[in-house]
Amino acid sequence: MVVLGGGSPRSMLVYGIVTIAILAFSYFVIIKPITDNTNNTVNNALNQANQQINQGFHQANQAQRHINHAINQAQRQAQAAGK
């Protein structure tokens, strides 16, 4: 028990507090910034994907309007030619 402070309750308490302080420091200095950066990267990627999806839907709607317009024109021309 020499490593843990010789077994006295006071020294074990100090070693426990020091250990907790080291772990807390490691978390806030090493782990938390990495996870925050990863979360930001994932959120940015998801936002970009959503923008691309929305842009795709917008372009598909525009294409559908153009197709409907072309179909209507063709039907009018066919009706005019049939008269």
PDB file of N, CA and C in Angstrom:
ATOM      1  N   MET A   1       0.795  -1.191   0.000  1.00  0.00           N
ATOM      2  CA  MET A   1       0.000   0.000   0.000  1.00  0.00           C
ATOM      3  C   MET A   1       0.843   1.262   0.000  1.00  0.00           C
ATOM      4  N   VAL A   2       2.154   1.143  -0.171  1.00  0.00           N
ATOM      5  CA  VAL A   2       3.013   2.317  -0.187  1.00  0.00           C
ATOM      6  C   VAL A   2       2.673   3.194  -1.378  1.00  0.00           C
ATOM      7  N   VAL A   3       2.308   2.573  -2.497  1.00  0.00           N
ATOM      8  CA  VAL A   3       1.982   3.330  -3.696  1.00  0.00           C
ATOM      9  C   VAL A   3       0.759   4.208  -3.457  1.00  0.00           C
ATOM     10  N   LEU A   4      -0.181   3.733  -2.665  1.00  0.00           N
ATOM     11  CA  LEU A   4      -1.398   4.481  -2.405  1.00  0.00           C
ATOM     12  C   LEU A   4      -1.265   5.395  -1.194  1.00  0.00           C
ATOM     13  N   GLY A   5      -0.077   5.677  -0.757  1.00  0.00           N
ATOM     14  CA  GLY A   5       0.112   6.632   0.313  1.00  0.00           C
ATOM     15  C   GLY A   5       0.333   6.004   1.673  1.00  0.00           C
ATOM     16  N   GLY A   6       0.678   4.743   1.704  1.00  0.00           N
ATOM     17  CA  GLY A   6       0.980   4.114   2.971  1.00  0.00           C
ATOM     18  C   GLY A   6      -0.243   3.670   3.730  1.00  0.00           C
ATOM     19  N   GLY A   7      -1.402   3.824   3.182  1.00  0.00           N
ATOM     20  CA  GLY A   7      -2.596   3.306   3.804  1.00  0.00           C
ATOM     21  C   GLY A   7      -3.285   4.258   4.766  1.00  0.00           C
ATOM     22  N   SER A   8      -2.727   5.424   5.009  1.00  0.00           N
ATOM     23  CA  SER A   8      -3.419   6.335   5.918  1.00  0.00           C
ATOM     24  C   SER A   8      -4.623   6.927   5.193  1.00  0.00           C
ATOM     25  N   PRO A   9      -5.724   7.091   5.884  1.00  0.00           N
ATOM     26  CA  PRO A   9      -6.933   7.603   5.231  1.00  0.00           C
ATOM     27  C   PRO A   9      -6.742   8.981   4.619  1.00  0.00           C
ATOM     28  N   ARG A  10      -5.968   9.797   5.265  1.00  0.00           N
ATOM     29  CA  ARG A  10      -5.749  11.150   4.755  1.00  0.00           C
ATOM     30  C   ARG A  10      -4.980  11.125   3.438  1.00  0.00           C
ATOM     31  N   SER A  11      -3.915  10.338   3.376  1.00  0.00           N
ATOM     32  CA  SER A  11      -3.124  10.273   2.149  1.00  0.00           C
ATOM     33  C   SER A  11      -3.908   9.604   1.022  1.00  0.00           C
ATOM     34  N   MET A  12      -4.714   8.611   1.355  1.00  0.00           N
ATOM     35  CA  MET A  12      -5.537   7.970   0.318  1.00  0.00           C
ATOM     36  C   MET A  12      -6.569   8.953  -0.224  1.00  0.00           C
ATOM     37  N   LEU A  13      -7.105   9.792   0.639  1.00  0.00           N
ATOM     38  CA  LEU A  13      -8.041  10.823   0.197  1.00  0.00           C
ATOM     39  C   LEU A  13      -7.355  11.807  -0.749  1.00  0.00           C
ATOM     40  N   VAL A  14      -6.143  12.214  -0.407  1.00  0.00           N
ATOM     41  CA  VAL A  14      -5.395  13.140  -1.266  1.00  0.00           C
ATOM     42  C   VAL A  14      -5.113  12.496  -2.613  1.00  0.00           C
ATOM     43  N   TYR A  15      -4.663  11.215  -2.607  1.00  0.00           N
ATOM     44  CA  TYR A  15      -4.399  10.527  -3.866  1.00  0.00           C
ATOM     45  C   TYR A  15      -5.682  10.374  -4.685  1.00  0.00           C
ATOM     46  N   GLY A  16      -6.790  10.114  -4.015  1.00  0.00           N
ATOM     47  CA  GLY A  16      -8.060  10.004  -4.735  1.00  0.00           C
ATOM     48  C   GLY A  16      -8.448  11.319  -5.378  1.00  0.00           C
ATOM     49  N   ILE A  17      -8.300  12.413  -4.651  1.00  0.00           N
ATOM     50  CA  ILE A  17      -8.626  13.741  -5.196  1.00  0.00           C
ATOM     51  C   ILE A  17      -7.698  14.089  -6.351  1.00  0.00           C
ATOM     52  N   VAL A  18      -6.411  13.785  -6.210  1.00  0.00           N
ATOM     53  CA  VAL A  18      -5.452  14.054  -7.293  1.00  0.00           C
ATOM     54  C   VAL A  18      -5.812  13.233  -8.533  1.00  0.00           C
ATOM     55  N   THR A  19      -6.193  11.972  -8.318  1.00  0.00           N
ATOM     56  CA  THR A  19      -6.570  11.117  -9.451  1.00  0.00           C
ATOM     57  C   THR A  19      -7.807  11.678 -10.158  1.00  0.00           C
ATOM     58  N   ILE A  20      -8.793  12.075  -9.393  1.00  0.00           N
ATOM     59  CA  ILE A  20     -10.005  12.652  -9.979  1.00  0.00           C
ATOM     60  C   ILE A  20      -9.674  13.946 -10.721  1.00  0.00           C
ATOM     61  N   ALA A  21      -8.785  14.759 -10.158  1.00  0.00           N
ATOM     62  CA  ALA A  21      -8.394  16.009 -10.817  1.00  0.00           C
ATOM     63  C   ALA A  21      -7.686  15.733 -12.138  1.00  0.00           C
ATOM     64  N   ILE A  22      -6.816  14.733 -12.154  1.00  0.00           N
ATOM     65  CA  ILE A  22      -6.108  14.381 -13.400  1.00  0.00           C
ATOM     66  C   ILE A  22      -7.096  13.880 -14.443  1.00  0.00           C
ATOM     67  N   LEU A  23      -8.029  13.030 -14.030  1.00  0.00           N
ATOM     68  CA  LEU A  23      -9.019  12.519 -14.975  1.00  0.00           C
ATOM     69  C   LEU A  23      -9.914  13.646 -15.507  1.00  0.00           C
ATOM     70  N   ALA A  24     -10.329  14.553 -14.626  1.00  0.00           N
ATOM     71  CA  ALA A  24     -11.156  15.679 -15.068  1.00  0.00           C
ATOM     72  C   ALA A  24     -10.390  16.573 -16.032  1.00  0.00           C
ATOM     73  N   PHE A  25      -9.133  16.855 -15.711  1.00  0.00           N
ATOM     74  CA  PHE A  25      -8.297  17.670 -16.588  1.00  0.00           C
ATOM     75  C   PHE A  25      -8.164  16.999 -17.951  1.00  0.00           C
ATOM     76  N   SER A  26      -7.898  15.690 -17.946  1.00  0.00           N
ATOM     77  CA  SER A  26      -7.746  14.956 -19.210  1.00  0.00           C
ATOM     78  C   SER A  26      -9.026  15.018 -20.029  1.00  0.00           C
ATOM     79  N   TYR A  27     -10.158  14.891 -19.350  1.00  0.00           N
ATOM     80  CA  TYR A  27     -11.428  14.939 -20.071  1.00  0.00           C
ATOM     81  C   TYR A  27     -11.638  16.298 -20.724  1.00  0.00           C
ATOM     82  N   PHE A  28     -11.477  17.375 -19.951  1.00  0.00           N
ATOM     83  CA  PHE A  28     -11.775  18.706 -20.477  1.00  0.00           C
ATOM     84  C   PHE A  28     -10.725  19.223 -21.451  1.00  0.00           C
ATOM     85  N   VAL A  29      -9.501  18.712 -21.384  1.00  0.00           N
ATOM     86  CA  VAL A  29      -8.439  19.205 -22.259  1.00  0.00           C
ATOM     87  C   VAL A  29      -8.259  18.325 -23.497  1.00  0.00           C
ATOM     88  N   ILE A  30      -8.517  17.021 -23.361  1.00  0.00           N
ATOM     89  CA  ILE A  30      -8.244  16.106 -24.475  1.00  0.00           C
ATOM     90  C   ILE A  30      -9.528  15.567 -25.090  1.00  0.00           C
ATOM     91  N   ILE A  31     -10.357  14.944 -24.283  1.00  0.00           N
ATOM     92  CA  ILE A  31     -11.508  14.208 -24.818  1.00  0.00           C
ATOM     93  C   ILE A  31     -12.618  15.142 -25.292  1.00  0.00           C
ATOM     94  N   LYS A  32     -13.016  16.093 -24.479  1.00  0.00           N
ATOM     95  CA  LYS A  32     -14.134  16.984 -24.830  1.00  0.00           C
ATOM     96  C   LYS A  32     -13.875  17.776 -26.107  1.00  0.00           C
ATOM     97  N   PRO A  33     -12.688  18.382 -26.297  1.00  0.00           N
ATOM     98  CA  PRO A  33     -12.468  19.096 -27.564  1.00  0.00           C
ATOM     99  C   PRO A  33     -12.559  18.180 -28.789  1.00  0.00           C
ATOM    100  N   ILE A  34     -12.084  16.945 -28.643  1.00  0.00           N
ATOM    101  CA  ILE A  34     -12.142  16.013 -29.773  1.00  0.00           C
ATOM    102  C   ILE A  34     -13.587  15.669 -30.098  1.00  0.00           C
ATOM    103  N   THR A  35     -14.381  15.361 -29.067  1.00  0.00           N
ATOM    104  CA  THR A  35     -15.779  15.014 -29.339  1.00  0.00           C
ATOM    105  C   THR A  35     -16.566  16.220 -29.838  1.00  0.00           C
ATOM    106  N   ASP A  36     -16.270  17.404 -29.322  1.00  0.00           N
ATOM    107  CA  ASP A  36     -16.955  18.606 -29.820  1.00  0.00           C
ATOM    108  C   ASP A  36     -16.627  18.846 -31.293  1.00  0.00           C
ATOM    109  N   ASN A  37     -15.351  18.696 -31.640  1.00  0.00           N
ATOM    110  CA  ASN A  37     -14.932  18.882 -33.034  1.00  0.00           C
ATOM    111  C   ASN A  37     -15.590  17.841 -33.937  1.00  0.00           C
ATOM    112  N   THR A  38     -15.661  16.606 -33.469  1.00  0.00           N
ATOM    113  CA  THR A  38     -16.303  15.555 -34.253  1.00  0.00           C
ATOM    114  C   THR A  38     -17.781  15.848 -34.441  1.00  0.00           C
ATOM    115  N   ASN A  39     -18.453  16.271 -33.370  1.00  0.00           N
ATOM    116  CA  ASN A  39     -19.878  16.604 -33.477  1.00  0.00           C
ATOM    117  C   ASN A  39     -20.102  17.756 -34.454  1.00  0.00           C
ATOM    118  N   ASN A  40     -19.251  18.767 -34.407  1.00  0.00           N
ATOM    119  CA  ASN A  40     -19.379  19.892 -35.336  1.00  0.00           C
ATOM    120  C   ASN A  40     -19.182  19.440 -36.773  1.00  0.00           C
ATOM    121  N   THR A  41     -18.205  18.564 -36.996  1.00  0.00           N
ATOM    122  CA  THR A  41     -17.950  18.056 -38.344  1.00  0.00           C
ATOM    123  C   THR A  41     -19.150  17.281 -38.870  1.00  0.00           C
ATOM    124  N   VAL A  42     -19.710  16.426 -38.026  1.00  0.00           N
ATOM    125  CA  VAL A  42     -20.879  15.638 -38.440  1.00  0.00           C
ATOM    126  C   VAL A  42     -22.064  16.560 -38.716  1.00  0.00           C
ATOM    127  N   ASN A  43     -22.290  17.531 -37.841  1.00  0.00           N
ATOM    128  CA  ASN A  43     -23.411  18.464 -38.059  1.00  0.00           C
ATOM    129  C   ASN A  43     -23.233  19.258 -39.352  1.00  0.00           C
ATOM    130  N   ASN A  44     -22.014  19.697 -39.635  1.00  0.00           N
ATOM    131  CA  ASN A  44     -21.762  20.428 -40.886  1.00  0.00           C
ATOM    132  C   ASN A  44     -22.019  19.535 -42.091  1.00  0.00           C
ATOM    133  N   ALA A  45     -21.590  18.281 -42.015  1.00  0.00           N
ATOM    134  CA  ALA A  45     -21.810  17.355 -43.126  1.00  0.00           C
ATOM    135  C   ALA A  45     -23.302  17.116 -43.337  1.00  0.00           C
ATOM    136  N   LEU A  46     -24.041  16.950 -42.247  1.00  0.00           N
ATOM    137  CA  LEU A  46     -25.489  16.742 -42.370  1.00  0.00           C
ATOM    138  C   LEU A  46     -26.184  17.976 -42.935  1.00  0.00           C
ATOM    139  N   ASN A  47     -25.759  19.152 -42.519  1.00  0.00           N
ATOM    140  CA  ASN A  47     -26.351  20.381 -43.057  1.00  0.00           C
ATOM    141  C   ASN A  47     -26.078  20.521 -44.550  1.00  0.00           C
ATOM    142  N   GLN A  48     -24.861  20.200 -44.965  1.00  0.00           N
ATOM    143  CA  GLN A  48     -24.538  20.273 -46.391  1.00  0.00           C
ATOM    144  C   GLN A  48     -25.347  19.257 -47.183  1.00  0.00           C
ATOM    145  N   ALA A  49     -25.505  18.057 -46.625  1.00  0.00           N
ATOM    146  CA  ALA A  49     -26.299  17.030 -47.306  1.00  0.00           C
ATOM    147  C   ALA A  49     -27.748  17.484 -47.441  1.00  0.00           C
ATOM    148  N   ASN A  50     -28.291  18.080 -46.381  1.00  0.00           N
ATOM    149  CA  ASN A  50     -29.669  18.573 -46.453  1.00  0.00           C
ATOM    150  C   ASN A  50     -29.815  19.672 -47.500  1.00  0.00           C
ATOM    151  N   GLN A  51     -28.820  20.554 -47.593  1.00  0.00           N
ATOM    152  CA  GLN A  51     -28.873  21.608 -48.604  1.00  0.00           C
ATOM    153  C   GLN A  51     -28.857  21.010 -50.003  1.00  0.00           C
ATOM    154  N   GLN A  52     -28.031  19.998 -50.210  1.00  0.00           N
ATOM    155  CA  GLN A  52     -27.958  19.358 -51.525  1.00  0.00           C
ATOM    156  C   GLN A  52     -29.273  18.646 -51.850  1.00  0.00           C
ATOM    157  N   ILE A  53     -29.844  17.991 -50.859  1.00  0.00           N
ATOM    158  CA  ILE A  53     -31.127  17.306 -51.078  1.00  0.00           C
ATOM    159  C   ILE A  53     -32.209  18.317 -51.427  1.00  0.00           C
ATOM    160  N   ASN A  54     -32.272  19.412 -50.677  1.00  0.00           N
ATOM    161  CA  ASN A  54     -33.276  20.441 -50.971  1.00  0.00           C
ATOM    162  C   ASN A  54     -33.074  21.040 -52.351  1.00  0.00           C
ATOM    163  N   GLN A  55     -31.820  21.253 -52.734  1.00  0.00           N
ATOM    164  CA  GLN A  55     -31.529  21.783 -54.062  1.00  0.00           C
ATOM    165  C   GLN A  55     -31.966  20.782 -55.133  1.00  0.00           C
ATOM    166  N   GLY A  56     -31.750  19.497 -54.886  1.00  0.00           N
ATOM    167  CA  GLY A  56     -32.184  18.463 -55.826  1.00  0.00           C
ATOM    168  C   GLY A  56     -33.691  18.450 -55.993  1.00  0.00           C
ATOM    169  N   PHE A  57     -34.422  18.578 -54.871  1.00  0.00           N
ATOM    170  CA  PHE A  57     -35.880  18.638 -54.961  1.00  0.00           C
ATOM    171  C   PHE A  57     -36.332  19.871 -55.738  1.00  0.00           C
ATOM    172  N   HIS A  58     -35.672  20.989 -55.506  1.00  0.00           N
ATOM    173  CA  HIS A  58     -36.029  22.222 -56.221  1.00  0.00           C
ATOM    174  C   HIS A  58     -35.805  22.043 -57.724  1.00  0.00           C
ATOM    175  N   GLN A  59     -34.672  21.455 -58.082  1.00  0.00           N
ATOM    176  CA  GLN A  59     -34.389  21.244 -59.504  1.00  0.00           C
ATOM    177  C   GLN A  59     -35.366  20.245 -60.115  1.00  0.00           C
ATOM    178  N   ALA A  60     -35.747  19.231 -59.353  1.00  0.00           N
ATOM    179  CA  ALA A  60     -36.714  18.245 -59.855  1.00  0.00           C
ATOM    180  C   ALA A  60     -38.067  18.907 -60.084  1.00  0.00           C
ATOM    181  N   ASN A  61     -38.468  19.804 -59.171  1.00  0.00           N
ATOM    182  CA  ASN A  61     -39.741  20.517 -59.352  1.00  0.00           C
ATOM    183  C   ASN A  61     -39.699  21.419 -60.577  1.00  0.00           C
ATOM    184  N   GLN A  62     -38.562  22.090 -60.790  1.00  0.00           N
ATOM    185  CA  GLN A  62     -38.429  22.928 -61.984  1.00  0.00           C
ATOM    186  C   GLN A  62     -38.515  22.081 -63.243  1.00  0.00           C
ATOM    187  N   ALA A  63     -37.843  20.946 -63.238  1.00  0.00           N
ATOM    188  CA  ALA A  63     -37.873  20.055 -64.402  1.00  0.00           C
ATOM    189  C   ALA A  63     -39.296  19.567 -64.654  1.00  0.00           C
ATOM    190  N   GLN A  64     -40.015  19.240 -63.579  1.00  0.00           N
ATOM    191  CA  GLN A  64     -41.392  18.771 -63.742  1.00  0.00           C
ATOM    192  C   GLN A  64     -42.277  19.858 -64.341  1.00  0.00           C
ATOM    193  N   ARG A  65     -42.077  21.107 -63.912  1.00  0.00           N
ATOM    194  CA  ARG A  65     -42.859  22.215 -64.490  1.00  0.00           C
ATOM    195  C   ARG A  65     -42.545  22.370 -65.976  1.00  0.00           C
ATOM    196  N   HIS A  66     -41.270  22.259 -66.351  1.00  0.00           N
ATOM    197  CA  HIS A  66     -40.886  22.374 -67.763  1.00  0.00           C
ATOM    198  C   HIS A  66     -41.490  21.227 -68.575  1.00  0.00           C
ATOM    199  N   ILE A  67     -41.492  20.050 -68.007  1.00  0.00           N
ATOM    200  CA  ILE A  67     -42.064  18.891 -68.705  1.00  0.00           C
ATOM    201  C   ILE A  67     -43.568  19.099 -68.906  1.00  0.00           C
ATOM    202  N   ASN A  68     -44.242  19.531 -67.846  1.00  0.00           N
ATOM    203  CA  ASN A  68     -45.688  19.771 -67.971  1.00  0.00           C
ATOM    204  C   ASN A  68     -45.990  20.846 -69.015  1.00  0.00           C
ATOM    205  N   HIS A  69     -45.167  21.888 -69.046  1.00  0.00           N
ATOM    206  CA  HIS A  69     -45.343  22.945 -70.040  1.00  0.00           C
ATOM    207  C   HIS A  69     -45.141  22.395 -71.453  1.00  0.00           C
ATOM    208  N   ALA A  70     -44.111  21.585 -71.626  1.00  0.00           N
ATOM    209  CA  ALA A  70     -43.846  21.005 -72.952  1.00  0.00           C
ATOM    210  C   ALA A  70     -44.968  20.072 -73.374  1.00  0.00           C
ATOM    211  N   ILE A  71     -45.511  19.307 -72.430  1.00  0.00           N
ATOM    212  CA  ILE A  71     -46.622  18.398 -72.751  1.00  0.00           C
ATOM    213  C   ILE A  71     -47.854  19.210 -73.168  1.00  0.00           C
ATOM    214  N   ASN A  72     -48.131  20.272 -72.427  1.00  0.00           N
ATOM    215  CA  ASN A  72     -49.289  21.116 -72.783  1.00  0.00           C
ATOM    216  C   ASN A  72     -49.119  21.742 -74.157  1.00  0.00           C
ATOM    217  N   GLN A  73     -47.915  22.204 -74.462  1.00  0.00           N
ATOM    218  CA  GLN A  73     -47.673  22.787 -75.791  1.00  0.00           C
ATOM    219  C   GLN A  73     -47.856  21.740 -76.875  1.00  0.00           C
ATOM    220  N   ALA A  74     -47.344  20.551 -76.636  1.00  0.00           N
ATOM    221  CA  ALA A  74     -47.467  19.486 -77.642  1.00  0.00           C
ATOM    222  C   ALA A  74     -48.926  19.110 -77.851  1.00  0.00           C
ATOM    223  N   GLN A  75     -49.689  19.061 -76.762  1.00  0.00           N
ATOM    224  CA  GLN A  75     -51.114  18.729 -76.901  1.00  0.00           C
ATOM    225  C   GLN A  75     -51.856  19.810 -77.678  1.00  0.00           C
ATOM    226  N   ARG A  76     -51.528  21.088 -77.418  1.00  0.00           N
ATOM    227  CA  ARG A  76     -52.182  22.180 -78.176  1.00  0.00           C
ATOM    228  C   ARG A  76     -51.798  22.124 -79.638  1.00  0.00           C
ATOM    229  N   GLN A  77     -50.522  21.833 -79.900  1.00  0.00           N
ATOM    230  CA  GLN A  77     -50.116  21.753 -81.310  1.00  0.00           C
ATOM    231  C   GLN A  77     -50.775  20.571 -81.995  1.00  0.00           C
ATOM    232  N   ALA A  78     -50.924  19.454 -81.295  1.00  0.00           N
ATOM    233  CA  ALA A  78     -51.577  18.294 -81.883  1.00  0.00           C
ATOM    234  C   ALA A  78     -53.039  18.582 -82.158  1.00  0.00           C
ATOM    235  N   GLN A  79     -53.701  19.294 -81.240  1.00  0.00           N
ATOM    236  CA  GLN A  79     -55.102  19.645 -81.446  1.00  0.00           C
ATOM    237  C   GLN A  79     -55.245  20.610 -82.605  1.00  0.00           C
ATOM    238  N   ALA A  80     -54.320  21.576 -82.714  1.00  0.00           N
ATOM    239  CA  ALA A  80     -54.380  22.554 -83.809  1.00  0.00           C
ATOM    240  C   ALA A  80     -54.120  21.870 -85.145  1.00  0.00           C
ATOM    241  N   ALA A  81     -53.234  20.891 -85.172  1.00  0.00           N
ATOM    242  CA  ALA A  81     -52.929  20.192 -86.419  1.00  0.00           C
ATOM    243  C   ALA A  81     -54.070  19.273 -86.831  1.00  0.00           C
ATOM    244  N   GLY A  82     -54.838  18.797 -85.843  1.00  0.00           N
ATOM    245  CA  GLY A  82     -55.954  17.881 -86.150  1.00  0.00           C
ATOM    246  C   GLY A  82     -57.189  18.582 -86.646  1.00  0.00           C
ATOM    247  N   LYS A  83     -57.248  19.877 -86.549  1.00  0.00           N
ATOM    248  CA  LYS A  83     -58.448  20.628 -86.996  1.00  0.00           C
ATOM    249  C   LYS A  83     -58.416  20.903 -88.456  1.00  0.00           C
TER     250      LYS A  83
END
